[in-house]
Amino acid sequence: MTASEHEPLPVACAVRALARCAAITAVLLGRRRVHLPRGHVGMRLRFADGTSARVYRETVVDRPGPEDPSVLVVEFRLRAVRGRLAHAAFRIESILNTPLFVGFPGYVSKLWLAHDEQGVYRGLYEWDDPALAEAYARALWWVLALVCVRGSIHYQVLPGLRRDELLQDPSVAGRVATGDTEAQWWRPVAVA
């Protein structure tokens, strides 16, 4: 499925999914199963579209490793965030968004990427089951639409890949890549 074919879940379904996620997140937080490791913070990823972004946070849930791994890459441009201070403030407050994803079925981890040279933010997730990653991205769409520039929300699910495998050797994304490789905003080409 191409990025132009992605559609959000119906609003009622998305609201139910997000409410369930928030409730499960509360339980995970209460059991101290959500962690913010620092190992990838500061890493810079360069993408096939020529942009690059730095990891500013990582969020991981204690759980068994994925049986059906997939990587999900989400990108968006915030509507009202402009300038160095506004971007810095967003990076700080964005931790409050944790209840919107940690409790989704199949969630494993997320790397939060700061805005790139075009002002676009990305999230690079690991998920157990590509269908669950897709369901999450379609539910998240409505929340992002409230604060993002219209038409700037895109996502790509990469089935069969583990996040760390992709970071160690970005060329593995080529096995799921189709079409114009220059337009693949989601495809890391280098990690530093």
C-alpha atoms as a PDB file:
ATOM      1  CA  MET A   1       0.000   0.000   0.000  1.00  0.00           C
ATOM      2  CA  THR A   2       1.396   3.393  -0.900  1.00  0.00           C
ATOM      3  CA  ALA A   3       1.259   6.395   1.396  1.00  0.00           C
ATOM      4  CA  SER A   4      -1.441   7.964  -0.791  1.00  0.00           C
ATOM      5  CA  GLU A   5      -3.698   4.940  -0.235  1.00  0.00           C
ATOM      6  CA  HIS A   6      -3.595   5.138   3.575  1.00  0.00           C
ATOM      7  CA  GLU A   7      -6.799   6.258   5.210  1.00  0.00           C
ATOM      8  CA  PRO A   8      -7.617   6.933   8.856  1.00  0.00           C
ATOM      9  CA  LEU A   9      -9.927   4.679  10.837  1.00  0.00           C
ATOM     10  CA  PRO A  10     -13.490   5.937  11.244  1.00  0.00           C
ATOM     11  CA  VAL A  11     -13.492   8.450  14.123  1.00  0.00           C
ATOM     12  CA  ALA A  12     -15.575   6.288  16.498  1.00  0.00           C
ATOM     13  CA  CYS A  13     -13.245   3.298  16.010  1.00  0.00           C
ATOM     14  CA  ALA A  14     -10.182   5.497  16.526  1.00  0.00           C
ATOM     15  CA  VAL A  15     -11.599   7.000  19.738  1.00  0.00           C
ATOM     16  CA  ARG A  16     -12.329   3.525  21.152  1.00  0.00           C
ATOM     17  CA  ALA A  17      -8.851   2.280  20.212  1.00  0.00           C
ATOM     18  CA  LEU A  18      -7.150   5.319  21.754  1.00  0.00           C
ATOM     19  CA  ALA A  19      -9.224   5.057  24.959  1.00  0.00           C
ATOM     20  CA  ARG A  20      -8.311   1.356  25.289  1.00  0.00           C
ATOM     21  CA  CYS A  21      -4.672   2.247  24.671  1.00  0.00           C
ATOM     22  CA  ALA A  22      -4.682   4.941  27.373  1.00  0.00           C
ATOM     23  CA  ALA A  23      -6.188   2.516  29.909  1.00  0.00           C
ATOM     24  CA  ILE A  24      -3.604  -0.171  29.119  1.00  0.00           C
ATOM     25  CA  THR A  25      -0.827   2.434  29.254  1.00  0.00           C
ATOM     26  CA  ALA A  26      -1.910   3.371  32.788  1.00  0.00           C
ATOM     27  CA  VAL A  27      -1.547  -0.280  33.824  1.00  0.00           C
ATOM     28  CA  LEU A  28       1.864  -0.584  32.118  1.00  0.00           C
ATOM     29  CA  LEU A  29       3.092   2.592  33.814  1.00  0.00           C
ATOM     30  CA  GLY A  30       1.769   1.380  37.176  1.00  0.00           C
ATOM     31  CA  ARG A  31       3.687  -1.876  36.739  1.00  0.00           C
ATOM     32  CA  ARG A  32       6.837   0.036  35.695  1.00  0.00           C
ATOM     33  CA  ARG A  33       6.970  -1.690  32.310  1.00  0.00           C
ATOM     34  CA  VAL A  34       7.543   1.503  30.288  1.00  0.00           C
ATOM     35  CA  HIS A  35      11.145   2.674  29.974  1.00  0.00           C
ATOM     36  CA  LEU A  36      13.055   5.555  28.383  1.00  0.00           C
ATOM     37  CA  PRO A  37      16.490   4.109  27.558  1.00  0.00           C
ATOM     38  CA  ARG A  38      19.136   6.564  26.349  1.00  0.00           C
ATOM     39  CA  GLY A  39      21.150   4.235  24.089  1.00  0.00           C
ATOM     40  CA  HIS A  40      19.825   5.586  20.782  1.00  0.00           C
ATOM     41  CA  VAL A  41      19.356   9.210  21.879  1.00  0.00           C
ATOM     42  CA  GLY A  42      21.530  11.504  19.768  1.00  0.00           C
ATOM     43  CA  MET A  43      21.720   9.062  16.845  1.00  0.00           C
ATOM     44  CA  ARG A  44      21.154  10.772  13.476  1.00  0.00           C
ATOM     45  CA  LEU A  45      19.234   9.023  10.695  1.00  0.00           C
ATOM     46  CA  ARG A  46      19.509  10.102   7.071  1.00  0.00           C
ATOM     47  CA  PHE A  47      16.558   9.248   4.815  1.00  0.00           C
ATOM     48  CA  ALA A  48      16.210   8.483   1.099  1.00  0.00           C
ATOM     49  CA  ASP A  49      14.539  11.862   0.475  1.00  0.00           C
ATOM     50  CA  GLY A  50      17.770  13.634   1.513  1.00  0.00           C
ATOM     51  CA  THR A  51      16.591  14.763   4.955  1.00  0.00           C
ATOM     52  CA  SER A  52      18.023  13.734   8.302  1.00  0.00           C
ATOM     53  CA  ALA A  53      16.797  13.793  11.883  1.00  0.00           C
ATOM     54  CA  ARG A  54      18.198  13.159  15.350  1.00  0.00           C
ATOM     55  CA  VAL A  55      16.671  10.743  17.889  1.00  0.00           C
ATOM     56  CA  TYR A  56      15.651  12.735  20.969  1.00  0.00           C
ATOM     57  CA  ARG A  57      13.822  10.049  22.947  1.00  0.00           C
ATOM     58  CA  GLU A  58      13.216   6.308  23.003  1.00  0.00           C
ATOM     59  CA  THR A  59      10.243   4.577  24.598  1.00  0.00           C
ATOM     60  CA  VAL A  60      10.245   0.805  25.199  1.00  0.00           C
ATOM     61  CA  VAL A  61       7.779  -1.578  26.840  1.00  0.00           C
ATOM     62  CA  ASP A  62       8.916  -4.717  28.698  1.00  0.00           C
ATOM     63  CA  ARG A  63       7.502  -7.562  26.630  1.00  0.00           C
ATOM     64  CA  PRO A  64       8.680 -10.639  24.783  1.00  0.00           C
ATOM     65  CA  GLY A  65      10.362  -9.987  21.446  1.00  0.00           C
ATOM     66  CA  PRO A  66       8.083  -9.749  18.429  1.00  0.00           C
ATOM     67  CA  GLU A  67       7.092 -12.971  16.677  1.00  0.00           C
ATOM     68  CA  ASP A  68       6.010 -11.148  13.510  1.00  0.00           C
ATOM     69  CA  PRO A  69       8.195  -8.023  13.570  1.00  0.00           C
ATOM     70  CA  SER A  70       7.569  -4.912  11.579  1.00  0.00           C
ATOM     71  CA  VAL A  71       8.824  -1.360  11.503  1.00  0.00           C
ATOM     72  CA  LEU A  72       6.404   1.548  11.295  1.00  0.00           C
ATOM     73  CA  VAL A  73       7.616   4.984  10.221  1.00  0.00           C
ATOM     74  CA  VAL A  74       5.276   7.946  10.719  1.00  0.00           C
ATOM     75  CA  GLU A  75       5.927  11.510   9.549  1.00  0.00           C
ATOM     76  CA  PHE A  76       4.053  14.761  10.144  1.00  0.00           C
ATOM     77  CA  ARG A  77       4.535  18.524  10.157  1.00  0.00           C
ATOM     78  CA  LEU A  78       3.131  20.420  13.132  1.00  0.00           C
ATOM     79  CA  ARG A  79       0.905  23.364  12.288  1.00  0.00           C
ATOM     80  CA  ALA A  80       1.937  25.987  14.845  1.00  0.00           C
ATOM     81  CA  VAL A  81       5.465  24.956  15.810  1.00  0.00           C
ATOM     82  CA  ARG A  82       8.042  27.273  14.250  1.00  0.00           C
ATOM     83  CA  GLY A  83      11.442  28.368  15.460  1.00  0.00           C
ATOM     84  CA  ARG A  84      14.073  26.833  17.701  1.00  0.00           C
ATOM     85  CA  LEU A  85      12.282  27.493  21.010  1.00  0.00           C
ATOM     86  CA  ALA A  86       8.936  26.161  19.798  1.00  0.00           C
ATOM     87  CA  HIS A  87      10.552  22.950  18.536  1.00  0.00           C
ATOM     88  CA  ALA A  88      12.427  22.557  21.841  1.00  0.00           C
ATOM     89  CA  ALA A  89       9.174  23.041  23.773  1.00  0.00           C
ATOM     90  CA  PHE A  90       7.428  20.432  21.613  1.00  0.00           C
ATOM     91  CA  ARG A  91      10.184  17.889  22.236  1.00  0.00           C
ATOM     92  CA  ILE A  92       9.749  18.384  25.994  1.00  0.00           C
ATOM     93  CA  GLU A  93       5.935  18.245  26.066  1.00  0.00           C
ATOM     94  CA  SER A  94       5.710  15.381  23.583  1.00  0.00           C
ATOM     95  CA  ILE A  95       6.298  12.872  26.378  1.00  0.00           C
ATOM     96  CA  LEU A  96       2.680  13.568  27.331  1.00  0.00           C
ATOM     97  CA  ASN A  97       1.695  11.729  24.132  1.00  0.00           C
ATOM     98  CA  THR A  98       3.004   8.421  25.512  1.00  0.00           C
ATOM     99  CA  PRO A  99      -0.500   7.182  26.505  1.00  0.00           C
ATOM    100  CA  LEU A 100      -1.494   7.436  22.830  1.00  0.00           C
ATOM    101  CA  PHE A 101       0.735   4.557  21.704  1.00  0.00           C
ATOM    102  CA  VAL A 102       2.399   2.479  24.457  1.00  0.00           C
ATOM    103  CA  GLY A 103      -0.754   0.501  25.249  1.00  0.00           C
ATOM    104  CA  PHE A 104      -1.634  -0.440  21.677  1.00  0.00           C
ATOM    105  CA  PRO A 105      -1.560  -4.187  20.980  1.00  0.00           C
ATOM    106  CA  GLY A 106       1.766  -5.226  19.499  1.00  0.00           C
ATOM    107  CA  TYR A 107       3.708  -2.084  20.457  1.00  0.00           C
ATOM    108  CA  VAL A 108       7.394  -2.787  21.165  1.00  0.00           C
ATOM    109  CA  SER A 109       9.355   0.481  20.943  1.00  0.00           C
ATOM    110  CA  LYS A 110       9.536   3.967  19.458  1.00  0.00           C
ATOM    111  CA  LEU A 111      12.376   6.250  18.474  1.00  0.00           C
ATOM    112  CA  TRP A 112      11.251   9.881  18.536  1.00  0.00           C
ATOM    113  CA  LEU A 113      12.983  11.881  15.800  1.00  0.00           C
ATOM    114  CA  ALA A 114      13.311  15.659  15.990  1.00  0.00           C
ATOM    115  CA  HIS A 115      12.190  17.797  13.070  1.00  0.00           C
ATOM    116  CA  ASP A 116      14.283  17.464   9.931  1.00  0.00           C
ATOM    117  CA  GLU A 117      15.473  20.217   7.589  1.00  0.00           C
ATOM    118  CA  GLN A 118      11.914  20.560   6.258  1.00  0.00           C
ATOM    119  CA  GLY A 119      10.322  20.845   9.728  1.00  0.00           C
ATOM    120  CA  VAL A 120       8.964  17.282   9.556  1.00  0.00           C
ATOM    121  CA  TYR A 121       8.918  15.017  12.619  1.00  0.00           C
ATOM    122  CA  ARG A 122       9.135  11.235  12.411  1.00  0.00           C
ATOM    123  CA  GLY A 123       8.525   8.315  14.709  1.00  0.00           C
ATOM    124  CA  LEU A 124      10.291   5.023  14.027  1.00  0.00           C
ATOM    125  CA  TYR A 125       8.509   2.165  15.790  1.00  0.00           C
ATOM    126  CA  GLU A 126       8.955  -1.557  16.193  1.00  0.00           C
ATOM    127  CA  TRP A 127       5.729  -3.506  16.244  1.00  0.00           C
ATOM    128  CA  ASP A 128       4.723  -7.134  16.624  1.00  0.00           C
ATOM    129  CA  ASP A 129       2.439  -7.769  13.627  1.00  0.00           C
ATOM    130  CA  PRO A 130       2.267  -5.412  10.655  1.00  0.00           C
ATOM    131  CA  ALA A 131      -1.557  -5.365  10.782  1.00  0.00           C
ATOM    132  CA  LEU A 132      -1.411  -4.033  14.361  1.00  0.00           C
ATOM    133  CA  ALA A 133       1.076  -1.352  13.281  1.00  0.00           C
ATOM    134  CA  GLU A 134      -1.289  -0.339  10.482  1.00  0.00           C
ATOM    135  CA  ALA A 135      -4.270  -0.216  12.876  1.00  0.00           C
ATOM    136  CA  TYR A 136      -2.312   2.019  15.246  1.00  0.00           C
ATOM    137  CA  ALA A 137      -1.244   4.415  12.480  1.00  0.00           C
ATOM    138  CA  ARG A 138      -4.822   4.681  11.202  1.00  0.00           C
ATOM    139  CA  ALA A 139      -6.127   5.423  14.728  1.00  0.00           C
ATOM    140  CA  LEU A 140      -3.357   7.941  15.470  1.00  0.00           C
ATOM    141  CA  TRP A 141      -4.208   9.856  12.299  1.00  0.00           C
ATOM    142  CA  TRP A 142      -7.112  11.695  13.939  1.00  0.00           C
ATOM    143  CA  VAL A 143      -5.033  12.908  16.866  1.00  0.00           C
ATOM    144  CA  LEU A 144      -2.280  14.116  14.564  1.00  0.00           C
ATOM    145  CA  ALA A 145      -4.792  15.803  12.250  1.00  0.00           C
ATOM    146  CA  LEU A 146      -5.739  18.155  15.102  1.00  0.00           C
ATOM    147  CA  VAL A 147      -2.238  19.660  15.263  1.00  0.00           C
ATOM    148  CA  CYS A 148      -0.648  18.960  11.884  1.00  0.00           C
ATOM    149  CA  VAL A 149      -0.495  20.681   8.536  1.00  0.00           C
ATOM    150  CA  ARG A 150      -3.147  19.162   6.294  1.00  0.00           C
ATOM    151  CA  GLY A 151      -1.674  16.510   4.012  1.00  0.00           C
ATOM    152  CA  SER A 152       1.555  16.159   6.013  1.00  0.00           C
ATOM    153  CA  ILE A 153       0.665  12.913   7.831  1.00  0.00           C
ATOM    154  CA  HIS A 154       2.134   9.805   6.217  1.00  0.00           C
ATOM    155  CA  TYR A 155       3.137   6.369   7.403  1.00  0.00           C
ATOM    156  CA  GLN A 156       4.797   3.265   6.060  1.00  0.00           C
ATOM    157  CA  VAL A 157       4.718  -0.257   7.509  1.00  0.00           C
ATOM    158  CA  LEU A 158       7.755  -2.421   6.751  1.00  0.00           C
ATOM    159  CA  PRO A 159       6.788  -6.047   7.466  1.00  0.00           C
ATOM    160  CA  GLY A 160       9.383  -8.612   8.436  1.00  0.00           C
ATOM    161  CA  LEU A 161      11.920  -6.091   9.758  1.00  0.00           C
ATOM    162  CA  ARG A 162      13.161  -5.481  13.276  1.00  0.00           C
ATOM    163  CA  ARG A 163      14.018  -1.914  14.215  1.00  0.00           C
ATOM    164  CA  ASP A 164      17.549  -2.720  15.377  1.00  0.00           C
ATOM    165  CA  GLU A 165      18.181  -4.727  12.196  1.00  0.00           C
ATOM    166  CA  LEU A 166      17.168  -1.644  10.181  1.00  0.00           C
ATOM    167  CA  LEU A 167      19.397   0.653  12.252  1.00  0.00           C
ATOM    168  CA  GLN A 168      22.371  -1.695  11.972  1.00  0.00           C
ATOM    169  CA  ASP A 169      22.014  -2.057   8.190  1.00  0.00           C
ATOM    170  CA  PRO A 170      19.615   0.440   6.579  1.00  0.00           C
ATOM    171  CA  SER A 171      19.965  -1.358   3.230  1.00  0.00           C
ATOM    172  CA  VAL A 172      17.630  -4.100   4.521  1.00  0.00           C
ATOM    173  CA  ALA A 173      14.760  -1.669   3.874  1.00  0.00           C
ATOM    174  CA  GLY A 174      15.494  -2.219   0.190  1.00  0.00           C
ATOM    175  CA  ARG A 175      13.948  -5.664   0.363  1.00  0.00           C
ATOM    176  CA  VAL A 176      10.542  -4.072   1.019  1.00  0.00           C
ATOM    177  CA  ALA A 177      11.124  -0.939  -1.070  1.00  0.00           C
ATOM    178  CA  THR A 178       9.216  -0.471  -4.304  1.00  0.00           C
ATOM    179  CA  GLY A 179       8.954   2.410  -6.728  1.00  0.00           C
ATOM    180  CA  ASP A 180      10.962   5.625  -6.760  1.00  0.00           C
ATOM    181  CA  THR A 181      13.627   5.280  -4.083  1.00  0.00           C
ATOM    182  CA  GLU A 182      14.161   9.076  -3.984  1.00  0.00           C
ATOM    183  CA  ALA A 183      10.569   9.590  -2.802  1.00  0.00           C
ATOM    184  CA  GLN A 184      10.881   7.096   0.041  1.00  0.00           C
ATOM    185  CA  TRP A 185      10.844   9.601   2.920  1.00  0.00           C
ATOM    186  CA  TRP A 186      10.467   6.656   5.314  1.00  0.00           C
ATOM    187  CA  ARG A 187      13.569   4.720   4.244  1.00  0.00           C
ATOM    188  CA  PRO A 188      16.715   5.266   6.328  1.00  0.00           C
ATOM    189  CA  VAL A 189      19.855   5.164   4.202  1.00  0.00           C
ATOM    190  CA  ALA A 190      22.467   5.936   6.866  1.00  0.00           C
ATOM    191  CA  VAL A 191      22.755   5.993  10.646  1.00  0.00           C
ATOM    192  CA  ALA A 192      25.381   7.956  12.551  1.00  0.00           C
END
